Amino acid sequence: MDSSSDLQLTANDGHAIVLTLVSALLAVLVDLAPGVALAWLLARKTWPGKSIVETLVALPLVLPPVATGLLLLDLLAHNGPLGGVVDVVFTWKAVAVAMAVMSFPFIVRGARLAFEAAGDRPEQVAATLGASPLRVFFSISLPISWRGITAGAVMACARALGEFGAVVLVAGNIPGVTATISTTMYNDILTGHDEHALLLAAISIALAFALILTGEQLLRRALP
């Protein structure tokens, strides 16, 4: 690959871009329901072991992504606890799984802060009027907290777009199969194709910028 071709996108680059976008969106969709439910439980309830759950949820934020990827690899490998249940390692599904694990804390944190900021008074009033817990949750809790949930989801998606360490261990870096934007950039740097890596970096920045900008616009339009 010469310097001129370094500034051109290949078919494998297109696959990496699409895989990154689709996997990030899929990761957020998978995380959304359990993340919001867990956030509500953490914000509203107290139970034995709650601090352990809080710590486990926050671990991907502080652990090196490679360490998280290694744990996932041990769990999902053929001889691992989940290896006989699902065939994930070194497939496109591994990309989505790694992104989902790494972005999950952002959804939980954003939703939990939103639930805590709203308080539980509206929920208590609705409950005293005879509303069921599910009706209270969907008609009261979610509508008054959706901005925080949306912000958490946007940040989770942005985090997933740039994930590298966990993805490269669980999914590998197979061009046209599991390679993402970040892993392709890493391979370019290793092989001396810095200009091509910068091109992908620019695309990554543009995608993240557009995502965050869209999220900010949605939140602003919702303000009274």
Protein backbone atom coordinates (compact mmCIF):
# COMPACT_ATOMS: atom_id res chain seq x y z
CA MET A 1 0.00 0.00 0.00
CA ASP A 2 1.66 3.29 -1.09
CA SER A 3 1.07 6.74 0.38
CA SER A 4 -1.63 7.62 -2.16
CA SER A 5 -3.61 4.45 -1.49
CA ASP A 6 -3.29 5.14 2.24
CA LEU A 7 -5.76 7.96 1.72
CA GLN A 8 -8.36 5.71 0.09
CA LEU A 9 -10.92 3.51 1.80
CA THR A 10 -10.96 -0.17 0.89
CA ALA A 11 -13.77 -2.71 1.03
CA ASN A 12 -12.37 -3.96 4.34
CA ASP A 13 -12.46 -0.40 5.67
CA GLY A 14 -16.12 -0.13 4.72
CA HIS A 15 -16.84 -3.39 6.47
CA ALA A 16 -15.00 -2.18 9.58
CA ILE A 17 -16.97 1.07 9.65
CA VAL A 18 -20.33 -0.66 9.21
CA LEU A 19 -19.45 -3.36 11.75
CA THR A 20 -18.40 -0.73 14.29
CA LEU A 21 -21.60 1.28 13.87
CA VAL A 22 -23.96 -1.71 13.86
CA SER A 23 -22.24 -3.39 16.80
CA ALA A 24 -22.26 -0.18 18.86
CA LEU A 25 -25.97 0.38 18.23
CA LEU A 26 -26.74 -3.28 18.93
CA ALA A 27 -24.74 -3.14 22.15
CA VAL A 28 -26.74 -0.16 23.38
CA LEU A 29 -30.05 -1.77 22.43
CA VAL A 30 -29.09 -4.93 24.32
CA ASP A 31 -27.93 -2.91 27.33
CA LEU A 32 -30.86 -0.51 27.48
CA ALA A 33 -33.61 -2.56 29.14
CA PRO A 34 -31.47 -4.36 31.77
CA GLY A 35 -29.41 -1.22 32.35
CA VAL A 36 -32.44 0.98 33.04
CA ALA A 37 -34.07 -1.68 35.21
CA LEU A 38 -30.90 -2.13 37.25
CA ALA A 39 -30.48 1.64 37.54
CA TRP A 40 -33.99 1.95 38.96
CA LEU A 41 -33.31 -0.80 41.49
CA LEU A 42 -30.05 0.84 42.56
CA ALA A 43 -31.75 4.23 42.87
CA ARG A 44 -34.88 3.09 44.68
CA LYS A 45 -34.19 -0.13 46.58
CA THR A 46 -31.85 -1.42 49.25
CA TRP A 47 -30.90 -5.07 49.53
CA PRO A 48 -28.03 -7.22 50.83
CA GLY A 49 -25.13 -7.18 48.43
CA LYS A 50 -26.16 -3.96 46.73
CA SER A 51 -22.67 -2.49 47.10
CA ILE A 52 -21.21 -5.58 45.42
CA VAL A 53 -23.56 -5.14 42.45
CA GLU A 54 -22.64 -1.46 42.21
CA THR A 55 -18.96 -2.38 42.20
CA LEU A 56 -19.38 -5.06 39.55
CA VAL A 57 -21.28 -2.65 37.29
CA ALA A 58 -18.55 -0.03 37.62
CA LEU A 59 -15.62 -2.43 37.08
CA PRO A 60 -15.43 -2.01 33.28
CA LEU A 61 -14.89 1.72 33.86
CA VAL A 62 -11.72 1.21 35.91
CA LEU A 63 -10.31 -2.11 34.71
CA PRO A 64 -7.97 -2.07 31.71
CA PRO A 65 -10.15 -3.01 28.70
CA VAL A 66 -7.70 -5.80 27.93
CA ALA A 67 -8.39 -7.32 31.35
CA THR A 68 -12.13 -7.21 30.69
CA GLY A 69 -11.55 -8.76 27.29
CA LEU A 70 -9.47 -11.54 28.84
CA LEU A 71 -12.25 -12.33 31.30
CA LEU A 72 -14.78 -12.42 28.47
CA LEU A 73 -12.50 -14.65 26.43
CA ASP A 74 -12.20 -17.12 29.33
CA LEU A 75 -15.98 -17.13 29.76
CA LEU A 76 -16.86 -17.49 26.08
CA ALA A 77 -14.05 -19.75 24.87
CA HIS A 78 -15.00 -23.27 23.81
CA ASN A 79 -13.69 -24.67 27.10
CA GLY A 80 -15.13 -21.81 29.15
CA PRO A 81 -18.35 -21.77 31.24
CA LEU A 82 -20.39 -20.29 28.38
CA GLY A 83 -18.42 -21.72 25.49
CA GLY A 84 -20.73 -24.67 25.05
CA VAL A 85 -23.80 -22.46 25.07
CA VAL A 86 -22.92 -19.82 22.52
CA ASP A 87 -20.40 -19.68 19.67
CA VAL A 88 -19.18 -16.12 19.91
CA VAL A 89 -15.39 -15.88 20.06
CA PHE A 90 -13.73 -14.48 16.92
CA THR A 91 -17.06 -13.73 15.24
CA TRP A 92 -18.86 -10.43 14.66
CA LYS A 93 -21.03 -11.28 17.66
CA ALA A 94 -17.97 -11.04 19.90
CA VAL A 95 -17.55 -7.42 18.82
CA ALA A 96 -21.08 -6.58 19.99
CA VAL A 97 -20.65 -8.52 23.25
CA ALA A 98 -17.41 -6.72 24.11
CA MET A 99 -18.93 -3.34 23.29
CA ALA A 100 -22.04 -4.13 25.34
CA VAL A 101 -19.99 -5.03 28.41
CA MET A 102 -17.79 -1.95 28.14
CA SER A 103 -20.68 0.47 27.58
CA PHE A 104 -23.12 -0.99 30.12
CA PRO A 105 -21.90 1.16 33.07
CA PHE A 106 -22.64 4.36 31.14
CA ILE A 107 -26.31 3.46 30.69
CA VAL A 108 -26.69 2.39 34.31
CA ARG A 109 -24.98 5.51 35.61
CA GLY A 110 -26.94 7.91 33.41
CA ALA A 111 -30.29 6.31 34.23
CA ARG A 112 -29.54 6.02 37.94
CA LEU A 113 -28.60 9.69 38.22
CA ALA A 114 -31.81 10.58 36.39
CA PHE A 115 -33.98 8.47 38.71
CA GLU A 116 -32.27 9.88 41.80
CA ALA A 117 -32.62 13.47 40.56
CA ALA A 118 -36.33 13.00 39.89
CA GLY A 119 -36.95 11.58 43.36
CA ASP A 120 -39.55 9.00 44.27
CA ARG A 121 -42.34 11.36 45.33
CA PRO A 122 -44.26 11.18 41.98
CA GLU A 123 -44.05 7.40 42.08
CA GLN A 124 -45.40 7.28 45.63
CA VAL A 125 -48.31 9.54 44.73
CA ALA A 126 -49.21 7.37 41.72
CA ALA A 127 -48.99 4.24 43.87
CA THR A 128 -51.37 5.68 46.49
CA LEU A 129 -53.87 6.33 43.68
CA GLY A 130 -53.88 2.63 42.89
CA ALA A 131 -51.45 2.43 39.97
CA SER A 132 -49.60 -0.88 39.65
CA PRO A 133 -45.79 -0.91 39.97
CA LEU A 134 -45.37 -1.54 36.23
CA ARG A 135 -47.76 1.27 35.33
CA VAL A 136 -45.93 3.60 37.72
CA PHE A 137 -42.62 2.70 36.14
CA PHE A 138 -43.72 3.18 32.52
CA SER A 139 -46.03 6.15 33.03
CA ILE A 140 -44.11 8.05 35.72
CA SER A 141 -40.53 6.87 36.23
CA LEU A 142 -39.46 6.64 32.61
CA PRO A 143 -41.08 9.86 31.31
CA ILE A 144 -39.54 12.05 34.02
CA SER A 145 -36.11 10.43 33.68
CA TRP A 146 -35.79 9.89 29.95
CA ARG A 147 -33.33 12.74 29.40
CA GLY A 148 -30.78 11.14 31.70
CA ILE A 149 -31.42 7.75 30.15
CA THR A 150 -30.92 9.22 26.67
CA ALA A 151 -27.70 10.93 27.73
CA GLY A 152 -26.42 7.67 29.19
CA ALA A 153 -27.31 5.78 26.03
CA VAL A 154 -25.53 8.34 23.83
CA MET A 155 -22.37 8.16 25.94
CA ALA A 156 -22.58 4.37 25.96
CA CYS A 157 -22.78 4.30 22.17
CA ALA A 158 -19.88 6.72 21.84
CA ARG A 159 -17.83 4.55 24.21
CA ALA A 160 -18.67 1.45 22.20
CA LEU A 161 -17.58 3.10 18.94
CA GLY A 162 -14.06 3.53 20.26
CA GLU A 163 -13.63 0.24 22.10
CA PHE A 164 -10.40 -1.59 21.32
CA GLY A 165 -8.89 -3.68 24.12
CA ALA A 166 -11.83 -5.94 24.89
CA VAL A 167 -12.80 -6.26 21.24
CA VAL A 168 -9.38 -7.31 19.99
CA LEU A 169 -9.08 -10.08 22.58
CA VAL A 170 -12.56 -11.56 22.16
CA ALA A 171 -13.13 -10.94 18.45
CA GLY A 172 -9.63 -10.65 17.10
CA ASN A 173 -8.74 -8.39 14.19
CA ILE A 174 -9.77 -10.32 11.09
CA PRO A 175 -10.12 -7.97 8.08
CA GLY A 176 -13.58 -8.15 6.57
CA VAL A 177 -14.86 -10.26 9.47
CA THR A 178 -14.23 -8.86 12.95
CA ALA A 179 -11.95 -5.87 12.32
CA THR A 180 -13.42 -2.59 13.61
CA ILE A 181 -12.30 0.98 13.06
CA SER A 182 -10.08 0.96 16.13
CA THR A 183 -8.47 -2.43 15.47
CA THR A 184 -7.87 -1.52 11.83
CA MET A 185 -6.17 1.70 12.95
CA TYR A 186 -3.98 -0.30 15.30
CA ASN A 187 -2.97 -2.66 12.51
CA ASP A 188 -2.20 0.28 10.23
CA ILE A 189 0.10 1.81 12.85
CA LEU A 190 1.91 -1.50 13.36
CA THR A 191 2.48 -1.87 9.62
CA GLY A 192 3.59 1.73 9.06
CA HIS A 193 0.46 3.00 7.29
CA ASP A 194 0.07 6.05 9.52
CA GLU A 195 -1.78 8.14 6.92
CA HIS A 196 -4.44 5.47 6.54
CA ALA A 197 -4.73 5.25 10.33
CA LEU A 198 -5.23 9.03 10.46
CA LEU A 199 -7.96 8.75 7.82
CA LEU A 200 -9.81 6.19 9.96
CA ALA A 201 -9.20 8.32 13.05
CA ALA A 202 -10.86 11.26 11.28
CA ILE A 203 -13.85 9.06 10.41
CA SER A 204 -14.05 7.84 14.01
CA ILE A 205 -13.98 11.41 15.31
CA ALA A 206 -16.69 12.45 12.84
CA LEU A 207 -18.95 9.56 13.88
CA ALA A 208 -18.51 10.27 17.59
CA PHE A 209 -19.03 14.00 17.05
CA ALA A 210 -22.22 13.42 15.05
CA LEU A 211 -23.54 11.01 17.67
CA ILE A 212 -22.92 13.31 20.62
CA LEU A 213 -24.21 16.36 18.71
CA THR A 214 -27.42 14.49 17.82
CA GLY A 215 -27.91 13.50 21.43
CA GLU A 216 -27.43 17.10 22.59
CA GLN A 217 -29.93 18.35 20.02
CA LEU A 218 -32.53 15.80 21.11
CA LEU A 219 -32.12 16.82 24.73
CA ARG A 220 -32.36 20.54 23.93
CA ARG A 221 -35.53 20.10 21.91
CA ALA A 222 -37.09 18.30 24.85
CA LEU A 223 -36.45 21.19 27.22
CA PRO A 224 -39.43 23.44 27.93
